[in-house]
Amino acid sequence: MGLDRYLGFHFTENCIFVAEAFIGRGGRIGWDILRQANYELPPEWLPLFQTGIPNFFDTENSLYGFAALPAIWRGFSWNRFIRFDFRFFETALKKGLSDESRTRLARLFRYCQVYHIHPQPDEQLHAVAVFERLNRTQCDEILDILKRQVSSEARISFVGTADTEEACLQYLWYEYEGAPETLELKDKRVLLVDLGYDRTIMTPWDKAETVEPNVQAPGMRQLDEAVARYAGRLGFGRTIGMDELMLYAQRARRAFVPGQSEASIVNRLIPSTEYVAVIREQANEIAVRLGEVTRPHARKHPLDEILLVGEGTAFSPIIDTLQAAHWNVPMRVLDEPVFAVAKGAAAYCWELINSKQEERQ
């Protein structure tokens, strides 16, 4: 009987984050982050792809991920590149997964195995996947498609899907279980804030239980859209489309560091003050929603701490805006925050497989 491995895949518009859960010391869950060295990337694109696998497929050369990027740098062309994003999975839900799309998706998972997971012949791969912008009903329908049409060719047993909130809470639960002395959450009421790509989700968590519905606000996608529209009005991307402008906007955000004087969009520069002004409306909306959730008179019990995860934690203008709006509640960023969703999906995968094994005993 082979070894079971428990994987979590987190699909965003431009990146795929992969984590693996394992049982470590004391029987507690730990995680490995699956990624490869990015030495072949041009330096200006390292900030965007130094963590996640590029969510690209080159239809002309049948290349995935990092292998597909060199052709992209030479210029985008109509319908040459596809992404396994919201539109891809929404089409699968509406029209079914075509033979071509099924093969491409299965080979994407095979690509991840060859270059990132490196399974041994006797290992059984199990996976839970998170697809941004899909609701729970849509996730259930995608899981059925994965099980029936993709699993065999991909050589992965898909045991579940999850939305981003569910995956983040799974991550927080197992992170707390694994390091209770670090998180010190036993007697705390905290607010878990996922500054995700598609949206920001704020979930109250009281002594390891979700006690209230989540509150949602714009995510990093809305910030990037504002920058892409602004760049388009300035004529920065006359020869490329909005999808490509969004990619450059995301690169600028991921590369941003406090104190820099300019931001690069499609190899043109705009002053940082101007750049921050463009994203201010969306950033302020996130801060307003956070203020509403953390304001003392809005809650029966005051919050003890705010915990931040998600790719927005790396963007200092957002963090600075939030610091000014959380009503004196302590705030901190958890470890490897961009991988929180993938870690939660992997932990959920471990839970599903082992609960089934316990039922059979």
Protein backbone atom coordinates (compact mmCIF):
# COMPACT_ATOMS: atom_id res chain seq x y z
CA MET A 1 0.00 0.00 0.00
CA GLY A 2 1.44 3.36 -1.05
CA LEU A 3 1.92 6.53 0.92
CA ASP A 4 -0.92 9.07 0.95
CA ARG A 5 -0.06 12.70 0.17
CA TYR A 6 -2.45 15.57 0.88
CA LEU A 7 -2.39 18.55 -1.49
CA GLY A 8 -4.13 21.91 -1.64
CA PHE A 9 -4.40 23.86 -4.90
CA HIS A 10 -5.38 27.53 -4.83
CA PHE A 11 -6.27 28.94 -8.26
CA THR A 12 -6.23 32.71 -8.78
CA GLU A 13 -6.44 34.56 -12.08
CA ASN A 14 -2.68 34.59 -12.66
CA CYS A 15 -1.11 32.18 -10.17
CA ILE A 16 -1.61 28.72 -8.71
CA PHE A 17 -0.44 28.18 -5.14
CA VAL A 18 0.22 24.61 -3.99
CA ALA A 19 0.77 23.31 -0.45
CA GLU A 20 1.10 19.83 1.02
CA ALA A 21 -0.04 18.85 4.50
CA PHE A 22 1.82 16.27 6.58
CA ILE A 23 1.83 15.01 10.16
CA GLY A 24 4.81 16.35 12.05
CA ARG A 25 6.00 16.30 15.63
CA GLY A 26 3.42 15.55 18.26
CA GLY A 27 0.93 14.40 15.62
CA ARG A 28 0.34 17.97 14.48
CA ILE A 29 -0.20 19.09 10.90
CA GLY A 30 2.57 20.96 9.16
CA TRP A 31 2.92 22.15 5.59
CA ASP A 32 5.37 22.09 2.73
CA ILE A 33 5.14 24.80 0.10
CA LEU A 34 5.59 23.45 -3.42
CA ARG A 35 7.43 25.72 -5.81
CA GLN A 36 10.48 25.70 -8.04
CA ALA A 37 13.37 28.11 -8.41
CA ASN A 38 12.58 31.03 -10.71
CA TYR A 39 16.04 31.59 -12.08
CA GLU A 40 14.79 31.73 -15.67
CA LEU A 41 12.47 34.68 -15.01
CA PRO A 42 13.42 38.25 -15.94
CA PRO A 43 14.09 40.16 -12.71
CA GLU A 44 11.13 42.50 -13.17
CA TRP A 45 8.71 39.54 -13.09
CA LEU A 46 10.19 37.80 -10.05
CA PRO A 47 7.96 39.63 -7.52
CA LEU A 48 4.83 38.30 -9.18
CA PHE A 49 5.88 34.70 -9.75
CA GLN A 50 8.44 34.01 -7.03
CA THR A 51 5.78 32.19 -4.97
CA GLY A 52 3.00 30.91 -7.20
CA ILE A 53 3.05 28.82 -10.39
CA PRO A 54 2.09 31.02 -13.37
CA ASN A 55 -1.49 30.22 -14.38
CA PHE A 56 -0.77 30.15 -18.11
CA PHE A 57 -1.02 27.67 -20.95
CA ASP A 58 0.62 28.33 -24.31
CA THR A 59 -1.73 26.74 -26.86
CA GLU A 60 0.80 27.03 -29.69
CA ASN A 61 3.58 25.06 -27.98
CA SER A 62 1.45 23.16 -25.40
CA LEU A 63 3.48 24.54 -22.49
CA TYR A 64 2.38 25.26 -18.94
CA GLY A 65 3.44 27.50 -16.09
CA PHE A 66 7.02 28.69 -16.11
CA ALA A 67 7.65 26.96 -19.43
CA ALA A 68 4.96 29.11 -21.09
CA LEU A 69 6.30 32.44 -19.84
CA PRO A 70 9.15 33.11 -22.31
CA ALA A 71 6.67 33.28 -25.20
CA ILE A 72 4.49 35.69 -23.22
CA TRP A 73 7.37 38.11 -22.69
CA ARG A 74 7.81 38.31 -26.47
CA GLY A 75 4.28 39.62 -26.79
CA PHE A 76 0.69 38.56 -26.26
CA SER A 77 -1.27 37.29 -29.26
CA TRP A 78 -4.98 36.65 -29.63
CA ASN A 79 -6.14 33.32 -28.15
CA ARG A 80 -2.61 31.92 -27.88
CA PHE A 81 -2.57 31.89 -24.09
CA ILE A 82 -5.31 30.69 -21.77
CA ARG A 83 -5.61 30.68 -18.00
CA PHE A 84 -7.32 28.20 -15.74
CA ASP A 85 -9.27 30.99 -14.11
CA PHE A 86 -12.84 31.93 -13.27
CA ARG A 87 -13.84 32.16 -16.91
CA PHE A 88 -12.40 28.72 -17.66
CA PHE A 89 -14.30 27.03 -14.83
CA GLU A 90 -17.47 29.08 -15.38
CA THR A 91 -17.52 27.85 -18.98
CA ALA A 92 -17.07 24.28 -17.75
CA LEU A 93 -20.09 24.71 -15.47
CA LYS A 94 -22.29 26.19 -18.19
CA LYS A 95 -21.30 24.10 -21.20
CA GLY A 96 -19.47 21.14 -19.72
CA LEU A 97 -15.77 20.41 -20.02
CA SER A 98 -14.85 19.83 -23.66
CA ASP A 99 -12.40 17.06 -24.54
CA GLU A 100 -9.74 19.67 -25.29
CA SER A 101 -10.29 21.54 -22.03
CA ARG A 102 -10.38 18.30 -20.05
CA THR A 103 -7.03 17.22 -21.52
CA ARG A 104 -5.48 20.62 -20.86
CA LEU A 105 -6.64 20.68 -17.25
CA ALA A 106 -5.47 17.13 -16.59
CA ARG A 107 -2.08 17.91 -18.08
CA LEU A 108 -1.83 21.02 -15.92
CA PHE A 109 -2.01 18.80 -12.84
CA ARG A 110 0.52 16.44 -14.43
CA TYR A 111 2.80 19.44 -15.03
CA CYS A 112 2.51 20.37 -11.35
CA GLN A 113 3.48 16.83 -10.39
CA VAL A 114 6.54 16.69 -12.64
CA TYR A 115 7.95 20.10 -11.75
CA HIS A 116 6.65 20.75 -8.23
CA ILE A 117 5.21 17.71 -6.42
CA HIS A 118 7.65 14.97 -7.56
CA PRO A 119 5.55 11.93 -6.51
CA GLN A 120 7.04 8.47 -6.17
CA PRO A 121 5.41 5.54 -8.04
CA ASP A 122 3.80 4.10 -4.90
CA GLU A 123 2.36 7.39 -3.63
CA GLN A 124 -1.33 8.22 -3.84
CA LEU A 125 -2.05 11.91 -4.40
CA HIS A 126 -5.20 13.40 -2.88
CA ALA A 127 -6.22 17.02 -3.45
CA VAL A 128 -8.65 19.73 -2.44
CA ALA A 129 -8.89 22.67 -4.81
CA VAL A 130 -9.98 26.28 -4.26
CA PHE A 131 -11.15 28.33 -7.24
CA GLU A 132 -11.48 32.06 -6.62
CA ARG A 133 -14.83 33.65 -7.52
CA LEU A 134 -16.73 30.34 -7.42
CA ASN A 135 -19.39 29.95 -4.72
CA ARG A 136 -19.91 26.75 -2.73
CA THR A 137 -22.55 25.34 -5.07
CA GLN A 138 -20.30 25.92 -8.06
CA CYS A 139 -17.40 24.32 -6.19
CA ASP A 140 -19.48 21.17 -5.61
CA GLU A 141 -20.31 21.01 -9.31
CA ILE A 142 -16.66 21.48 -10.30
CA LEU A 143 -15.67 18.69 -7.89
CA ASP A 144 -18.05 16.34 -9.69
CA ILE A 145 -16.44 17.29 -13.02
CA LEU A 146 -12.94 16.75 -11.63
CA LYS A 147 -13.83 13.33 -10.23
CA ARG A 148 -15.57 12.09 -13.37
CA GLN A 149 -13.47 13.62 -16.14
CA VAL A 150 -10.06 14.70 -14.86
CA SER A 151 -8.95 12.56 -11.93
CA SER A 152 -7.87 9.46 -13.85
CA GLU A 153 -5.78 11.28 -16.47
CA ALA A 154 -4.38 13.73 -13.91
CA ARG A 155 -3.48 10.83 -11.56
CA ILE A 156 -4.86 12.72 -8.60
CA SER A 157 -7.80 11.78 -6.40
CA PHE A 158 -9.87 14.94 -5.95
CA VAL A 159 -11.60 14.56 -2.61
CA GLY A 160 -13.08 18.02 -2.18
CA THR A 161 -13.24 21.67 -3.05
CA ALA A 162 -13.57 24.67 -0.76
CA ASP A 163 -14.25 28.36 -1.02
CA THR A 164 -11.62 30.78 0.21
CA GLU A 165 -13.28 31.48 3.57
CA GLU A 166 -13.56 27.79 4.40
CA ALA A 167 -9.94 27.16 3.41
CA CYS A 168 -8.67 30.11 5.49
CA LEU A 169 -10.55 28.89 8.56
CA GLN A 170 -9.13 25.40 8.07
CA TYR A 171 -5.66 26.96 7.95
CA LEU A 172 -6.26 29.00 11.10
CA TRP A 173 -7.61 25.99 12.98
CA TYR A 174 -4.65 23.74 12.18
CA GLU A 175 -2.13 26.56 12.57
CA TYR A 176 -3.56 27.16 16.03
CA GLU A 177 -3.53 23.45 16.84
CA GLY A 178 0.08 23.16 15.67
CA ALA A 179 1.44 26.23 17.47
CA PRO A 180 -0.94 27.24 20.27
CA GLU A 181 1.85 28.91 22.20
CA THR A 182 2.60 31.19 19.24
CA LEU A 183 -0.92 32.20 18.23
CA GLU A 184 -2.30 32.23 21.79
CA LEU A 185 -5.87 32.01 20.55
CA LYS A 186 -7.40 29.81 23.23
CA ASP A 187 -9.23 32.63 24.99
CA LYS A 188 -9.24 35.22 22.23
CA ARG A 189 -11.80 36.70 19.89
CA VAL A 190 -10.03 37.42 16.64
CA LEU A 191 -10.89 38.67 13.20
CA LEU A 192 -9.32 36.68 10.38
CA VAL A 193 -8.86 39.01 7.39
CA ASP A 194 -8.00 37.39 4.06
CA LEU A 195 -6.73 40.12 1.74
CA GLY A 196 -7.26 37.84 -1.23
CA TYR A 197 -6.99 38.43 -4.93
CA ASP A 198 -10.69 38.27 -5.77
CA ARG A 199 -12.06 39.78 -2.55
CA THR A 200 -11.26 40.57 1.05
CA ILE A 201 -13.06 38.35 3.57
CA MET A 202 -13.29 39.30 7.26
CA THR A 203 -14.38 36.41 9.50
CA PRO A 204 -14.87 36.72 13.30
CA TRP A 205 -13.43 33.70 15.15
CA ASP A 206 -14.17 33.21 18.84
CA LYS A 207 -12.15 30.55 20.69
CA ALA A 208 -11.85 28.32 17.62
CA GLU A 209 -15.42 28.84 16.41
CA THR A 210 -16.88 31.08 13.71
CA VAL A 211 -19.44 33.15 15.55
CA GLU A 212 -20.77 35.56 12.91
CA PRO A 213 -21.17 35.75 9.13
CA ASN A 214 -18.19 37.11 7.24
CA VAL A 215 -17.93 40.65 5.92
CA GLN A 216 -16.62 41.18 2.40
CA ALA A 217 -14.76 44.04 0.75
CA PRO A 218 -12.80 44.60 -2.48
CA GLY A 219 -9.81 42.37 -3.08
CA MET A 220 -6.55 42.98 -4.87
CA ARG A 221 -8.21 42.36 -8.24
CA GLN A 222 -10.24 45.55 -7.85
CA LEU A 223 -7.08 47.52 -7.09
CA ASP A 224 -5.38 46.08 -10.16
CA GLU A 225 -8.42 46.87 -12.31
CA ALA A 226 -8.28 50.51 -11.21
CA VAL A 227 -4.59 50.70 -12.15
CA ALA A 228 -5.17 48.91 -15.48
CA ARG A 229 -8.00 51.29 -16.42
CA TYR A 230 -5.83 54.25 -15.50
CA ALA A 231 -2.92 52.91 -17.57
CA GLY A 232 -5.30 52.32 -20.48
CA ARG A 233 -6.53 55.90 -20.39
CA LEU A 234 -2.92 57.07 -20.50
CA GLY A 235 -2.26 54.86 -23.56
CA PHE A 236 0.22 52.58 -21.76
CA GLY A 237 -1.12 49.44 -23.41
CA ARG A 238 -2.23 50.33 -26.92
CA THR A 239 -1.07 46.98 -28.32
CA ILE A 240 -2.31 44.70 -25.51
CA GLY A 241 -5.69 44.00 -23.96
CA MET A 242 -7.14 44.51 -20.49
CA ASP A 243 -6.09 41.03 -19.32
CA GLU A 244 -2.48 41.86 -20.05
CA LEU A 245 -2.75 45.31 -18.48
CA MET A 246 -4.10 43.57 -15.38
CA LEU A 247 -1.02 41.34 -15.33
CA TYR A 248 1.28 44.37 -15.40
CA ALA A 249 -0.81 46.06 -12.70
CA GLN A 250 -0.48 42.97 -10.52
CA ARG A 251 3.26 42.92 -11.12
CA ALA A 252 3.52 46.56 -10.02
CA ARG A 253 1.58 45.83 -6.85
CA ARG A 254 3.60 42.75 -5.92
CA ALA A 255 6.87 44.65 -6.59
CA PHE A 256 5.89 47.73 -4.58
CA VAL A 257 8.11 48.57 -1.61
CA PRO A 258 7.73 51.41 0.89
CA GLY A 259 9.59 54.53 -0.14
CA GLN A 260 9.88 53.82 -3.86
CA SER A 261 9.43 56.90 -6.01
CA GLU A 262 7.85 55.33 -9.11
CA ALA A 263 5.76 52.35 -10.20
CA SER A 264 6.33 50.58 -13.53
CA ILE A 265 3.33 49.74 -15.72
CA VAL A 266 4.08 48.20 -19.14
CA ASN A 267 7.64 49.55 -18.90
CA ARG A 268 6.45 53.10 -18.31
CA LEU A 269 6.75 54.90 -15.00
CA ILE A 270 4.22 56.81 -12.93
CA PRO A 271 5.00 58.58 -9.64
CA SER A 272 4.22 56.48 -6.57
CA THR A 273 2.01 59.22 -5.17
CA GLU A 274 -0.06 59.08 -8.34
CA TYR A 275 -0.13 55.28 -8.26
CA VAL A 276 -1.31 55.17 -4.63
CA ALA A 277 -3.97 57.79 -5.42
CA VAL A 278 -5.38 55.50 -8.12
CA ILE A 279 -5.92 52.59 -5.70
CA ARG A 280 -7.06 54.80 -2.80
CA GLU A 281 -10.81 54.37 -3.35
CA GLN A 282 -10.64 50.57 -3.17
CA ALA A 283 -8.16 50.64 -0.29
CA ASN A 284 -10.41 53.01 1.64
CA GLU A 285 -13.39 50.72 1.04
CA ILE A 286 -11.49 47.84 2.66
CA ALA A 287 -10.54 50.10 5.58
CA VAL A 288 -14.13 51.31 6.02
CA ARG A 289 -15.45 47.75 6.19
CA LEU A 290 -12.72 46.82 8.67
CA GLY A 291 -13.62 49.84 10.77
CA GLU A 292 -17.27 48.78 10.79
CA VAL A 293 -16.37 45.28 11.98
CA THR A 294 -13.90 46.35 14.66
CA ARG A 295 -15.75 49.39 16.03
CA PRO A 296 -16.49 48.58 19.71
CA HIS A 297 -20.17 49.54 19.73
CA ALA A 298 -20.81 47.32 16.68
CA ARG A 299 -19.97 44.14 18.65
CA LYS A 300 -21.26 42.40 21.76
CA HIS A 301 -17.70 41.44 22.66
CA PRO A 302 -14.58 43.42 21.70
CA LEU A 303 -11.98 41.86 19.45
CA ASP A 304 -8.62 40.91 20.91
CA GLU A 305 -6.65 40.75 17.67
CA ILE A 306 -6.78 41.02 13.88
CA LEU A 307 -4.94 38.33 11.91
CA LEU A 308 -4.02 39.06 8.29
CA VAL A 309 -3.43 36.57 5.48
CA GLY A 310 -3.61 36.75 1.68
CA GLU A 311 -1.49 38.29 -1.04
CA GLY A 312 -2.57 41.81 -0.08
CA THR A 313 -0.41 41.56 3.06
CA ALA A 314 2.63 42.27 0.89
CA PHE A 315 1.21 45.59 -0.36
CA SER A 316 2.23 48.30 2.10
CA PRO A 317 -0.36 50.96 1.05
CA ILE A 318 -3.13 48.55 2.05
CA ILE A 319 -1.52 47.63 5.37
CA ASP A 320 -0.86 51.31 6.16
CA THR A 321 -4.49 52.16 5.40
CA LEU A 322 -5.75 49.33 7.60
CA GLN A 323 -3.45 50.27 10.47
CA ALA A 324 -5.21 53.63 10.63
CA ALA A 325 -8.71 52.14 10.67
CA HIS A 326 -8.90 49.20 13.06
CA TRP A 327 -9.79 51.04 16.26
CA ASN A 328 -6.72 50.19 18.32
CA VAL A 329 -7.11 46.42 17.96
CA PRO A 330 -3.68 44.71 17.66
CA MET A 331 -2.94 43.49 14.15
CA ARG A 332 -0.39 41.01 12.79
CA VAL A 333 0.38 39.09 9.62
CA LEU A 334 0.56 35.29 9.92
CA ASP A 335 3.43 33.24 8.50
CA GLU A 336 3.57 32.77 4.70
CA PRO A 337 0.24 34.59 4.33
CA VAL A 338 -0.08 34.17 0.56
CA PHE A 339 -0.23 30.39 1.05
CA ALA A 340 -2.95 30.42 3.73
CA VAL A 341 -5.68 29.26 1.33
CA ALA A 342 -3.52 26.50 -0.18
CA LYS A 343 -2.47 25.35 3.31
CA GLY A 344 -6.08 25.29 4.46
CA ALA A 345 -7.08 23.27 1.39
CA ALA A 346 -4.29 20.77 2.08
CA ALA A 347 -5.31 20.45 5.73
CA TYR A 348 -8.92 19.91 4.66
CA CYS A 349 -7.70 17.21 2.26
CA TRP A 350 -5.91 15.45 5.13
CA GLU A 351 -9.04 15.71 7.26
CA LEU A 352 -11.31 14.27 4.58
CA ILE A 353 -9.08 11.28 3.85
CA ASN A 354 -8.39 10.41 7.47
CA SER A 355 -12.01 10.80 8.57
CA LYS A 356 -12.98 8.28 5.89
CA GLN A 357 -10.29 5.89 7.07
CA GLU A 358 -11.52 6.18 10.67
CA GLU A 359 -15.09 5.42 9.54
CA ARG A 360 -13.91 2.22 7.86
CA GLN A 361 -12.12 0.97 10.98
